[in-house]
Amino acid sequence: MVVVAAVIVILIIVVVVVIVVIVVVVIVVVVVVVVVVVVVVVVVVVVVVVVVVVVDMGNKLRTYSKIKISYEREKYTGANIALAYNKCITSLRISTHKLEIELGRYQKPTPVPANETM
């Protein structure tokens, strides 16, 4: 009787251990899948952003290369300019300013009412 009870207890312990191992493996697999999905989504978002920026910069770079003839350091970069003015010049150079020419690029045009057209 004692031997049978000991065998039953051992079997119960083995079954519990197997169930715990299965649950842990399932949790690890789910975590790995979630991490892979998150990484894939982040990579896709980064690629889309880079493509949009490169396509958007194409026209700017083409225009800049037509205007800028000599490739040398600009004189104003070495000048002793106040920090506020330096920030303004930098934002103009890298197109992060709030001028309408830059803001209008990302807005849909306002529709003209039908009675105001030809």
N, C-alpha and C. Protein backbone atom coordinates (compact mmCIF):
# COMPACT_ATOMS: atom_id res chain seq x y z
N MET A 1 0.79 -1.19 0.00
CA MET A 1 0.00 0.00 0.00
C MET A 1 0.85 1.27 0.00
N VAL A 2 1.85 1.27 0.81
CA VAL A 2 2.72 2.42 0.93
C VAL A 2 3.45 2.65 -0.39
N VAL A 3 3.85 1.59 -1.04
CA VAL A 3 4.57 1.69 -2.31
C VAL A 3 3.64 2.26 -3.38
N VAL A 4 2.41 1.80 -3.40
CA VAL A 4 1.45 2.31 -4.38
C VAL A 4 1.19 3.80 -4.13
N ALA A 5 1.07 4.21 -2.90
CA ALA A 5 0.85 5.62 -2.57
C ALA A 5 2.05 6.47 -2.98
N ALA A 6 3.25 5.92 -2.77
CA ALA A 6 4.46 6.66 -3.15
C ALA A 6 4.54 6.80 -4.66
N VAL A 7 4.19 5.77 -5.39
CA VAL A 7 4.21 5.81 -6.86
C VAL A 7 3.18 6.83 -7.35
N ILE A 8 2.01 6.87 -6.76
CA ILE A 8 0.97 7.82 -7.17
C ILE A 8 1.44 9.26 -6.91
N VAL A 9 2.07 9.49 -5.76
CA VAL A 9 2.58 10.83 -5.44
C VAL A 9 3.66 11.22 -6.44
N ILE A 10 4.55 10.31 -6.78
CA ILE A 10 5.61 10.59 -7.76
C ILE A 10 5.00 10.89 -9.11
N LEU A 11 4.00 10.13 -9.53
CA LEU A 11 3.33 10.38 -10.81
C LEU A 11 2.66 11.76 -10.82
N ILE A 12 2.02 12.11 -9.72
CA ILE A 12 1.37 13.42 -9.63
C ILE A 12 2.43 14.53 -9.75
N ILE A 13 3.55 14.38 -9.06
CA ILE A 13 4.62 15.37 -9.12
C ILE A 13 5.16 15.48 -10.55
N VAL A 14 5.35 14.35 -11.21
CA VAL A 14 5.86 14.35 -12.59
C VAL A 14 4.87 15.05 -13.51
N VAL A 15 3.59 14.77 -13.36
CA VAL A 15 2.57 15.40 -14.20
C VAL A 15 2.56 16.91 -13.96
N VAL A 16 2.64 17.34 -12.72
CA VAL A 16 2.66 18.77 -12.40
C VAL A 16 3.89 19.43 -13.01
N VAL A 17 5.05 18.79 -12.89
CA VAL A 17 6.28 19.34 -13.46
C VAL A 17 6.16 19.44 -14.98
N VAL A 18 5.62 18.42 -15.62
CA VAL A 18 5.45 18.46 -17.08
C VAL A 18 4.50 19.59 -17.47
N ILE A 19 3.42 19.77 -16.76
CA ILE A 19 2.47 20.85 -17.06
C ILE A 19 3.15 22.21 -16.87
N VAL A 20 3.92 22.38 -15.81
CA VAL A 20 4.63 23.64 -15.57
C VAL A 20 5.63 23.91 -16.70
N VAL A 21 6.35 22.89 -17.11
CA VAL A 21 7.32 23.04 -18.20
C VAL A 21 6.60 23.44 -19.49
N ILE A 22 5.49 22.82 -19.78
CA ILE A 22 4.73 23.15 -20.99
C ILE A 22 4.24 24.60 -20.94
N VAL A 23 3.73 25.02 -19.79
CA VAL A 23 3.25 26.40 -19.65
C VAL A 23 4.40 27.38 -19.84
N VAL A 24 5.55 27.11 -19.25
CA VAL A 24 6.71 27.99 -19.39
C VAL A 24 7.16 28.06 -20.84
N VAL A 25 7.19 26.93 -21.53
CA VAL A 25 7.59 26.91 -22.94
C VAL A 25 6.60 27.72 -23.78
N VAL A 26 5.32 27.57 -23.53
CA VAL A 26 4.31 28.33 -24.26
C VAL A 26 4.48 29.83 -24.01
N ILE A 27 4.73 30.22 -22.77
CA ILE A 27 4.93 31.64 -22.45
C ILE A 27 6.17 32.17 -23.16
N VAL A 28 7.25 31.42 -23.16
CA VAL A 28 8.48 31.86 -23.83
C VAL A 28 8.23 32.00 -25.33
N VAL A 29 7.52 31.06 -25.94
CA VAL A 29 7.24 31.14 -27.37
C VAL A 29 6.38 32.37 -27.68
N VAL A 30 5.38 32.62 -26.86
CA VAL A 30 4.52 33.79 -27.07
C VAL A 30 5.34 35.08 -26.94
N VAL A 31 6.20 35.18 -25.96
CA VAL A 31 7.03 36.36 -25.79
C VAL A 31 7.96 36.55 -26.98
N VAL A 32 8.57 35.48 -27.45
CA VAL A 32 9.46 35.57 -28.62
C VAL A 32 8.68 36.03 -29.85
N VAL A 33 7.50 35.49 -30.05
CA VAL A 33 6.69 35.90 -31.21
C VAL A 33 6.32 37.37 -31.10
N VAL A 34 5.94 37.82 -29.93
CA VAL A 34 5.58 39.23 -29.75
C VAL A 34 6.80 40.12 -30.02
N VAL A 35 7.95 39.74 -29.52
CA VAL A 35 9.16 40.53 -29.75
C VAL A 35 9.49 40.58 -31.24
N VAL A 36 9.37 39.46 -31.93
CA VAL A 36 9.65 39.43 -33.37
C VAL A 36 8.67 40.32 -34.12
N VAL A 37 7.41 40.27 -33.76
CA VAL A 37 6.41 41.10 -34.42
C VAL A 37 6.70 42.58 -34.18
N VAL A 38 7.05 42.94 -32.96
CA VAL A 38 7.37 44.33 -32.65
C VAL A 38 8.59 44.79 -33.44
N VAL A 39 9.61 43.96 -33.52
CA VAL A 39 10.81 44.31 -34.28
C VAL A 39 10.48 44.49 -35.75
N VAL A 40 9.67 43.61 -36.31
CA VAL A 40 9.29 43.72 -37.72
C VAL A 40 8.50 45.00 -37.95
N VAL A 41 7.59 45.33 -37.07
CA VAL A 41 6.80 46.56 -37.22
C VAL A 41 7.70 47.79 -37.14
N VAL A 42 8.63 47.80 -36.21
CA VAL A 42 9.55 48.93 -36.08
C VAL A 42 10.41 49.06 -37.33
N VAL A 43 10.90 47.96 -37.86
CA VAL A 43 11.72 48.00 -39.08
C VAL A 43 10.90 48.53 -40.24
N VAL A 44 9.67 48.08 -40.38
CA VAL A 44 8.83 48.55 -41.47
C VAL A 44 8.56 50.05 -41.33
N VAL A 45 8.27 50.51 -40.14
CA VAL A 45 8.02 51.94 -39.93
C VAL A 45 9.27 52.75 -40.26
N VAL A 46 10.43 52.28 -39.83
CA VAL A 46 11.67 53.00 -40.12
C VAL A 46 11.92 53.04 -41.62
N VAL A 47 11.71 51.94 -42.31
CA VAL A 47 11.92 51.91 -43.76
C VAL A 47 10.96 52.87 -44.45
N VAL A 48 9.71 52.88 -44.05
CA VAL A 48 8.73 53.79 -44.66
C VAL A 48 9.13 55.24 -44.42
N VAL A 49 9.54 55.57 -43.21
CA VAL A 49 9.95 56.94 -42.90
C VAL A 49 11.17 57.33 -43.73
N VAL A 50 12.14 56.44 -43.84
CA VAL A 50 13.34 56.74 -44.62
C VAL A 50 12.98 56.94 -46.08
N VAL A 51 12.12 56.10 -46.63
CA VAL A 51 11.72 56.24 -48.03
C VAL A 51 11.00 57.56 -48.24
N VAL A 52 10.10 57.92 -47.34
CA VAL A 52 9.37 59.18 -47.47
C VAL A 52 10.32 60.36 -47.39
N VAL A 53 11.26 60.31 -46.47
CA VAL A 53 12.21 61.42 -46.33
C VAL A 53 13.10 61.51 -47.56
N VAL A 54 13.59 60.38 -48.05
CA VAL A 54 14.47 60.40 -49.23
C VAL A 54 13.71 60.90 -50.44
N VAL A 55 12.49 60.45 -50.64
CA VAL A 55 11.70 60.91 -51.78
C VAL A 55 11.40 62.39 -51.63
N ASP A 56 11.07 62.82 -50.41
CA ASP A 56 10.77 64.23 -50.18
C ASP A 56 12.01 65.09 -50.37
N MET A 57 13.18 64.59 -49.98
CA MET A 57 14.40 65.37 -50.09
C MET A 57 14.91 65.43 -51.52
N GLY A 58 14.41 64.58 -52.41
CA GLY A 58 14.90 64.56 -53.78
C GLY A 58 14.78 65.91 -54.46
N ASN A 59 13.62 66.53 -54.38
CA ASN A 59 13.42 67.83 -55.01
C ASN A 59 14.25 68.91 -54.34
N LYS A 60 14.35 68.87 -53.03
CA LYS A 60 15.13 69.87 -52.32
C LYS A 60 16.61 69.76 -52.69
N LEU A 61 17.11 68.55 -52.74
CA LEU A 61 18.52 68.36 -53.07
C LEU A 61 18.80 68.77 -54.51
N ARG A 62 17.90 68.48 -55.41
CA ARG A 62 18.10 68.87 -56.81
C ARG A 62 18.13 70.39 -56.93
N THR A 63 17.21 71.07 -56.25
CA THR A 63 17.19 72.53 -56.27
C THR A 63 18.45 73.10 -55.62
N TYR A 64 18.84 72.54 -54.50
CA TYR A 64 20.03 73.03 -53.80
C TYR A 64 21.28 72.87 -54.66
N SER A 65 21.38 71.74 -55.38
CA SER A 65 22.57 71.53 -56.21
C SER A 65 22.62 72.50 -57.38
N LYS A 66 21.47 73.02 -57.82
CA LYS A 66 21.46 74.01 -58.89
C LYS A 66 21.86 75.39 -58.37
N ILE A 67 21.49 75.69 -57.13
CA ILE A 67 21.79 77.00 -56.55
C ILE A 67 23.22 77.05 -56.02
N LYS A 68 23.61 76.01 -55.33
CA LYS A 68 24.93 75.98 -54.70
C LYS A 68 25.97 75.53 -55.72
N ILE A 69 26.82 76.44 -56.12
CA ILE A 69 27.80 76.14 -57.17
C ILE A 69 29.11 75.66 -56.57
N SER A 70 29.61 76.36 -55.57
CA SER A 70 30.89 75.96 -54.96
C SER A 70 30.61 75.26 -53.63
N TYR A 71 31.32 74.17 -53.40
CA TYR A 71 31.11 73.40 -52.18
C TYR A 71 32.20 73.76 -51.18
N GLU A 72 31.95 74.81 -50.44
CA GLU A 72 32.87 75.25 -49.40
C GLU A 72 32.06 75.73 -48.21
N ARG A 73 32.76 75.93 -47.13
CA ARG A 73 32.08 76.37 -45.90
C ARG A 73 31.53 77.79 -46.10
N GLU A 74 30.30 77.97 -45.66
CA GLU A 74 29.68 79.28 -45.77
C GLU A 74 30.33 80.26 -44.80
N LYS A 75 30.42 81.50 -45.20
CA LYS A 75 31.11 82.51 -44.39
C LYS A 75 30.40 82.75 -43.06
N TYR A 76 29.07 82.69 -43.07
CA TYR A 76 28.35 83.00 -41.83
C TYR A 76 28.53 81.92 -40.77
N THR A 77 28.98 80.72 -41.14
CA THR A 77 29.14 79.67 -40.13
C THR A 77 30.29 79.95 -39.18
N GLY A 78 31.25 80.73 -39.61
CA GLY A 78 32.37 81.07 -38.74
C GLY A 78 32.20 82.40 -38.06
N ALA A 79 31.13 83.11 -38.38
CA ALA A 79 30.92 84.44 -37.80
C ALA A 79 30.47 84.32 -36.35
N ASN A 80 30.71 85.37 -35.60
CA ASN A 80 30.30 85.42 -34.20
C ASN A 80 28.87 85.93 -34.15
N ILE A 81 27.91 85.00 -34.24
CA ILE A 81 26.49 85.34 -34.31
C ILE A 81 25.83 84.93 -33.00
N ALA A 82 24.84 85.70 -32.57
CA ALA A 82 24.09 85.36 -31.35
C ALA A 82 23.43 84.00 -31.53
N LEU A 83 23.28 83.29 -30.43
CA LEU A 83 22.74 81.93 -30.46
C LEU A 83 21.34 81.88 -31.09
N ALA A 84 20.50 82.85 -30.80
CA ALA A 84 19.13 82.86 -31.35
C ALA A 84 19.17 82.95 -32.87
N TYR A 85 20.04 83.82 -33.40
CA TYR A 85 20.16 83.95 -34.85
C TYR A 85 20.76 82.68 -35.45
N ASN A 86 21.70 82.10 -34.75
CA ASN A 86 22.33 80.88 -35.24
C ASN A 86 21.30 79.75 -35.33
N LYS A 87 20.39 79.66 -34.35
CA LYS A 87 19.33 78.65 -34.39
C LYS A 87 18.40 78.88 -35.57
N CYS A 88 18.07 80.14 -35.83
CA CYS A 88 17.19 80.47 -36.96
C CYS A 88 17.84 80.08 -38.29
N ILE A 89 19.10 80.43 -38.44
CA ILE A 89 19.81 80.10 -39.69
C ILE A 89 19.90 78.59 -39.86
N THR A 90 20.19 77.88 -38.76
CA THR A 90 20.28 76.43 -38.83
C THR A 90 18.93 75.82 -39.21
N SER A 91 17.84 76.32 -38.64
CA SER A 91 16.53 75.75 -38.98
C SER A 91 16.18 76.03 -40.44
N LEU A 92 16.60 77.16 -40.97
CA LEU A 92 16.39 77.42 -42.40
C LEU A 92 17.20 76.45 -43.26
N ARG A 93 18.44 76.21 -42.86
CA ARG A 93 19.31 75.34 -43.66
C ARG A 93 18.82 73.89 -43.69
N ILE A 94 18.27 73.41 -42.59
CA ILE A 94 17.85 72.01 -42.53
C ILE A 94 16.34 71.84 -42.69
N SER A 95 15.66 72.91 -43.07
CA SER A 95 14.22 72.90 -43.38
C SER A 95 13.35 72.46 -42.21
N THR A 96 13.66 72.91 -41.02
CA THR A 96 12.79 72.64 -39.87
C THR A 96 12.09 73.92 -39.42
N HIS A 97 12.09 74.92 -40.26
CA HIS A 97 11.46 76.19 -39.93
C HIS A 97 9.94 76.08 -40.09
N LYS A 98 9.25 77.09 -39.64
CA LYS A 98 7.78 77.10 -39.69
C LYS A 98 7.27 78.06 -40.77
N LEU A 99 8.06 78.31 -41.79
CA LEU A 99 7.61 79.17 -42.87
C LEU A 99 6.55 78.45 -43.70
N GLU A 100 5.67 79.20 -44.30
CA GLU A 100 4.54 78.62 -45.04
C GLU A 100 5.01 77.75 -46.20
N ILE A 101 6.12 78.07 -46.81
CA ILE A 101 6.59 77.27 -47.94
C ILE A 101 6.87 75.83 -47.51
N GLU A 102 7.31 75.65 -46.27
CA GLU A 102 7.57 74.30 -45.78
C GLU A 102 6.31 73.66 -45.23
N LEU A 103 5.49 74.43 -44.53
CA LEU A 103 4.26 73.88 -43.96
C LEU A 103 3.27 73.51 -45.04
N GLY A 104 3.20 74.30 -46.11
CA GLY A 104 2.25 74.06 -47.18
C GLY A 104 2.51 72.78 -47.95
N ARG A 105 3.72 72.28 -47.86
CA ARG A 105 4.05 71.05 -48.58
C ARG A 105 3.28 69.86 -48.04
N TYR A 106 2.86 69.93 -46.78
CA TYR A 106 2.23 68.79 -46.13
C TYR A 106 0.73 68.98 -45.92
N GLN A 107 0.16 70.06 -46.43
CA GLN A 107 -1.26 70.30 -46.28
C GLN A 107 -1.97 70.09 -47.61
N LYS A 108 -3.19 69.61 -47.52
CA LYS A 108 -4.00 69.47 -48.73
C LYS A 108 -4.48 70.86 -49.15
N PRO A 109 -4.55 71.11 -50.43
CA PRO A 109 -5.03 72.43 -50.87
C PRO A 109 -6.49 72.63 -50.49
N THR A 110 -6.86 73.87 -50.23
CA THR A 110 -8.24 74.21 -49.89
C THR A 110 -9.07 74.18 -51.17
N PRO A 111 -10.16 73.41 -51.18
CA PRO A 111 -10.98 73.36 -52.39
C PRO A 111 -11.64 74.70 -52.68
N VAL A 112 -11.71 75.04 -53.96
CA VAL A 112 -12.35 76.27 -54.39
C VAL A 112 -13.83 75.98 -54.60
N PRO A 113 -14.71 76.80 -54.03
CA PRO A 113 -16.15 76.57 -54.25
C PRO A 113 -16.50 76.63 -55.74
N ALA A 114 -17.50 75.87 -56.11
CA ALA A 114 -17.88 75.76 -57.53
C ALA A 114 -18.31 77.10 -58.12
N ASN A 115 -18.93 77.95 -57.33
CA ASN A 115 -19.41 79.22 -57.86
C ASN A 115 -18.26 80.22 -58.09
N GLU A 116 -17.06 79.94 -57.57
CA GLU A 116 -15.92 80.82 -57.75
C GLU A 116 -14.99 80.36 -58.88
N THR A 117 -15.32 79.24 -59.50
CA THR A 117 -14.49 78.76 -60.60
C THR A 117 -15.02 79.37 -61.91
N MET A 118 -14.32 79.14 -62.97
CA MET A 118 -14.71 79.70 -64.25
C MET A 118 -16.08 79.22 -64.58
